[in-house]
Amino acid sequence: MGTKSIRLDEDVYERIKAHKRENETFSEAIDRLTSEYSLLDFVGGYSDEDATRHRELLDDAEEEAVAERRERLERMGISSE
């Protein structure tokens, strides 16, 4: 993949820099910030069934995380209560 040099106004550069993550290149930041998808694309697109399933998956993941945390604490001899 090749590269291109572009000129940016200082205010545009500063806005990108302000949104750039610590371990991210400017190219990666611009790619992320200009992605064709936005969270707004998903507004209203969730059915009640999807929302219920999503909630169930999140609840299951939380239960697993709590159980794993308790097991680790018990192995270290620390009470989880």
N, C-alpha and C. Protein backbone atom coordinates (compact mmCIF):
# COMPACT_ATOMS: atom_id res chain seq x y z
N MET A 1 0.85 -1.17 0.00
CA MET A 1 0.00 0.00 0.00
C MET A 1 0.90 1.23 0.00
N GLY A 2 0.61 2.17 -0.87
CA GLY A 2 1.39 3.39 -0.96
C GLY A 2 0.92 4.45 0.02
N THR A 3 1.59 5.57 -0.02
CA THR A 3 1.22 6.69 0.84
C THR A 3 1.02 7.93 0.00
N LYS A 4 0.33 8.89 0.54
CA LYS A 4 0.09 10.18 -0.09
C LYS A 4 0.35 11.26 0.94
N SER A 5 0.87 12.37 0.49
CA SER A 5 1.03 13.53 1.36
C SER A 5 -0.14 14.46 1.10
N ILE A 6 -0.71 14.99 2.18
CA ILE A 6 -1.82 15.93 2.03
C ILE A 6 -1.54 17.16 2.87
N ARG A 7 -2.14 18.26 2.49
CA ARG A 7 -2.00 19.49 3.26
C ARG A 7 -3.27 19.69 4.06
N LEU A 8 -3.10 20.06 5.31
CA LEU A 8 -4.24 20.32 6.19
C LEU A 8 -4.10 21.71 6.78
N ASP A 9 -5.22 22.38 6.90
CA ASP A 9 -5.20 23.63 7.65
C ASP A 9 -4.85 23.30 9.09
N GLU A 10 -4.21 24.22 9.78
CA GLU A 10 -3.77 23.96 11.16
C GLU A 10 -4.94 23.58 12.06
N ASP A 11 -6.09 24.23 11.90
CA ASP A 11 -7.23 23.92 12.76
C ASP A 11 -7.73 22.49 12.51
N VAL A 12 -7.69 22.02 11.26
CA VAL A 12 -8.09 20.66 10.94
C VAL A 12 -7.10 19.68 11.55
N TYR A 13 -5.81 19.97 11.40
CA TYR A 13 -4.77 19.14 11.99
C TYR A 13 -4.97 19.02 13.49
N GLU A 14 -5.24 20.12 14.18
CA GLU A 14 -5.42 20.11 15.64
C GLU A 14 -6.65 19.30 16.05
N ARG A 15 -7.73 19.38 15.25
CA ARG A 15 -8.93 18.58 15.56
C ARG A 15 -8.64 17.10 15.45
N ILE A 16 -7.92 16.72 14.39
CA ILE A 16 -7.56 15.31 14.23
C ILE A 16 -6.65 14.88 15.37
N LYS A 17 -5.67 15.69 15.67
CA LYS A 17 -4.72 15.38 16.75
C LYS A 17 -5.45 15.21 18.08
N ALA A 18 -6.46 16.03 18.33
CA ALA A 18 -7.22 15.95 19.58
C ALA A 18 -8.02 14.65 19.68
N HIS A 19 -8.40 14.07 18.53
CA HIS A 19 -9.19 12.84 18.53
C HIS A 19 -8.34 11.60 18.31
N LYS A 20 -7.06 11.79 18.04
CA LYS A 20 -6.16 10.67 17.79
C LYS A 20 -5.86 9.96 19.10
N ARG A 21 -5.92 8.64 19.06
CA ARG A 21 -5.61 7.84 20.24
C ARG A 21 -4.09 7.73 20.40
N GLU A 22 -3.66 7.39 21.62
CA GLU A 22 -2.24 7.40 21.95
C GLU A 22 -1.37 6.56 21.01
N ASN A 23 -1.76 5.35 20.74
CA ASN A 23 -0.95 4.45 19.92
C ASN A 23 -1.44 4.37 18.48
N GLU A 24 -2.05 5.42 18.00
CA GLU A 24 -2.67 5.44 16.68
C GLU A 24 -1.91 6.41 15.78
N THR A 25 -1.68 6.01 14.54
CA THR A 25 -1.07 6.93 13.58
C THR A 25 -2.14 7.92 13.10
N PHE A 26 -1.70 9.00 12.49
CA PHE A 26 -2.67 9.94 11.93
C PHE A 26 -3.51 9.26 10.86
N SER A 27 -2.89 8.40 10.07
CA SER A 27 -3.64 7.69 9.04
C SER A 27 -4.74 6.83 9.66
N GLU A 28 -4.40 6.11 10.74
CA GLU A 28 -5.39 5.27 11.42
C GLU A 28 -6.49 6.12 12.04
N ALA A 29 -6.11 7.27 12.60
CA ALA A 29 -7.11 8.15 13.21
C ALA A 29 -8.08 8.69 12.16
N ILE A 30 -7.54 9.12 11.03
CA ILE A 30 -8.39 9.64 9.96
C ILE A 30 -9.29 8.54 9.43
N ASP A 31 -8.75 7.34 9.27
CA ASP A 31 -9.56 6.20 8.81
C ASP A 31 -10.71 5.94 9.78
N ARG A 32 -10.39 5.91 11.08
CA ARG A 32 -11.43 5.65 12.08
C ARG A 32 -12.47 6.77 12.09
N LEU A 33 -12.00 8.01 12.03
CA LEU A 33 -12.91 9.16 12.13
C LEU A 33 -13.76 9.35 10.88
N THR A 34 -13.32 8.82 9.77
CA THR A 34 -14.08 8.99 8.53
C THR A 34 -14.71 7.68 8.05
N SER A 35 -14.74 6.68 8.94
CA SER A 35 -15.34 5.40 8.60
C SER A 35 -16.75 5.61 8.06
N GLU A 36 -17.16 4.73 7.18
CA GLU A 36 -18.49 4.89 6.61
C GLU A 36 -19.60 4.55 7.60
N TYR A 37 -19.22 3.96 8.74
CA TYR A 37 -20.22 3.63 9.75
C TYR A 37 -20.08 4.53 10.96
N SER A 38 -21.20 4.86 11.52
CA SER A 38 -21.27 5.67 12.73
C SER A 38 -22.29 5.01 13.65
N LEU A 39 -22.19 5.25 14.93
CA LEU A 39 -23.20 4.72 15.86
C LEU A 39 -24.59 5.20 15.47
N LEU A 40 -24.66 6.38 14.88
CA LEU A 40 -25.96 6.90 14.45
C LEU A 40 -26.61 6.01 13.38
N ASP A 41 -25.79 5.25 12.65
CA ASP A 41 -26.32 4.35 11.63
C ASP A 41 -27.18 3.25 12.25
N PHE A 42 -26.97 2.98 13.54
CA PHE A 42 -27.68 1.89 14.19
C PHE A 42 -28.89 2.35 15.00
N VAL A 43 -29.11 3.64 15.08
CA VAL A 43 -30.25 4.16 15.84
C VAL A 43 -31.53 3.69 15.18
N GLY A 44 -32.40 3.11 15.98
CA GLY A 44 -33.69 2.67 15.47
C GLY A 44 -33.64 1.37 14.68
N GLY A 45 -32.45 0.80 14.50
CA GLY A 45 -32.33 -0.41 13.71
C GLY A 45 -32.36 -1.68 14.53
N TYR A 46 -32.60 -1.55 15.80
CA TYR A 46 -32.60 -2.69 16.71
C TYR A 46 -34.03 -3.12 16.97
N SER A 47 -34.33 -4.36 16.70
CA SER A 47 -35.66 -4.85 17.03
C SER A 47 -35.71 -5.16 18.52
N ASP A 48 -36.90 -5.29 19.07
CA ASP A 48 -37.03 -5.66 20.47
C ASP A 48 -36.38 -7.02 20.74
N GLU A 49 -36.51 -7.91 19.77
CA GLU A 49 -35.92 -9.23 19.88
C GLU A 49 -34.39 -9.13 19.95
N ASP A 50 -33.80 -8.29 19.08
CA ASP A 50 -32.35 -8.09 19.09
C ASP A 50 -31.90 -7.49 20.42
N ALA A 51 -32.64 -6.51 20.90
CA ALA A 51 -32.29 -5.85 22.16
C ALA A 51 -32.34 -6.84 23.32
N THR A 52 -33.36 -7.69 23.36
CA THR A 52 -33.48 -8.69 24.42
C THR A 52 -32.31 -9.67 24.35
N ARG A 53 -31.99 -10.14 23.17
CA ARG A 53 -30.87 -11.09 23.00
C ARG A 53 -29.55 -10.43 23.41
N HIS A 54 -29.36 -9.20 23.02
CA HIS A 54 -28.14 -8.48 23.38
C HIS A 54 -28.03 -8.35 24.90
N ARG A 55 -29.12 -8.01 25.55
CA ARG A 55 -29.14 -7.89 27.02
C ARG A 55 -28.79 -9.23 27.66
N GLU A 56 -29.35 -10.32 27.14
CA GLU A 56 -29.06 -11.65 27.66
C GLU A 56 -27.58 -11.98 27.53
N LEU A 57 -26.99 -11.67 26.38
CA LEU A 57 -25.56 -11.93 26.17
C LEU A 57 -24.71 -11.12 27.14
N LEU A 58 -25.07 -9.86 27.34
CA LEU A 58 -24.33 -9.02 28.28
C LEU A 58 -24.45 -9.55 29.71
N ASP A 59 -25.65 -9.96 30.09
CA ASP A 59 -25.86 -10.52 31.43
C ASP A 59 -25.04 -11.78 31.62
N ASP A 60 -25.03 -12.66 30.61
CA ASP A 60 -24.25 -13.90 30.68
C ASP A 60 -22.77 -13.59 30.84
N ALA A 61 -22.28 -12.64 30.06
CA ALA A 61 -20.86 -12.27 30.13
C ALA A 61 -20.52 -11.71 31.50
N GLU A 62 -21.41 -10.92 32.07
CA GLU A 62 -21.19 -10.36 33.40
C GLU A 62 -21.15 -11.46 34.45
N GLU A 63 -22.06 -12.40 34.37
CA GLU A 63 -22.08 -13.52 35.32
C GLU A 63 -20.79 -14.33 35.23
N GLU A 64 -20.31 -14.59 34.02
CA GLU A 64 -19.06 -15.32 33.84
C GLU A 64 -17.88 -14.55 34.42
N ALA A 65 -17.85 -13.24 34.21
CA ALA A 65 -16.76 -12.42 34.73
C ALA A 65 -16.75 -12.43 36.25
N VAL A 66 -17.92 -12.35 36.86
CA VAL A 66 -18.01 -12.36 38.32
C VAL A 66 -17.53 -13.72 38.86
N ALA A 67 -17.96 -14.80 38.22
CA ALA A 67 -17.55 -16.14 38.66
C ALA A 67 -16.04 -16.31 38.52
N GLU A 68 -15.48 -15.86 37.41
CA GLU A 68 -14.03 -15.97 37.22
C GLU A 68 -13.27 -15.14 38.25
N ARG A 69 -13.76 -13.96 38.55
CA ARG A 69 -13.12 -13.09 39.55
C ARG A 69 -13.14 -13.76 40.92
N ARG A 70 -14.28 -14.34 41.28
CA ARG A 70 -14.39 -15.05 42.57
C ARG A 70 -13.41 -16.22 42.65
N GLU A 71 -13.32 -16.98 41.56
CA GLU A 71 -12.40 -18.12 41.53
C GLU A 71 -10.95 -17.66 41.70
N ARG A 72 -10.56 -16.60 41.03
CA ARG A 72 -9.20 -16.08 41.16
C ARG A 72 -8.93 -15.63 42.59
N LEU A 73 -9.87 -14.92 43.17
CA LEU A 73 -9.70 -14.45 44.55
C LEU A 73 -9.58 -15.63 45.51
N GLU A 74 -10.41 -16.64 45.32
CA GLU A 74 -10.36 -17.82 46.19
C GLU A 74 -9.01 -18.53 46.06
N ARG A 75 -8.49 -18.64 44.84
CA ARG A 75 -7.18 -19.27 44.64
C ARG A 75 -6.07 -18.49 45.34
N MET A 76 -6.26 -17.18 45.48
CA MET A 76 -5.27 -16.34 46.17
C MET A 76 -5.54 -16.27 47.66
N GLY A 77 -6.61 -16.95 48.13
CA GLY A 77 -6.93 -16.97 49.55
C GLY A 77 -7.61 -15.72 50.03
N ILE A 78 -8.26 -15.01 49.13
CA ILE A 78 -8.96 -13.78 49.47
C ILE A 78 -10.45 -14.03 49.39
N SER A 79 -11.17 -13.59 50.41
CA SER A 79 -12.63 -13.74 50.42
C SER A 79 -13.24 -12.80 49.40
N SER A 80 -14.18 -13.30 48.62
CA SER A 80 -14.85 -12.46 47.62
C SER A 80 -16.13 -11.86 48.16
N GLU A 81 -16.45 -12.10 49.40
CA GLU A 81 -17.68 -11.59 49.99
C GLU A 81 -17.41 -10.32 50.72
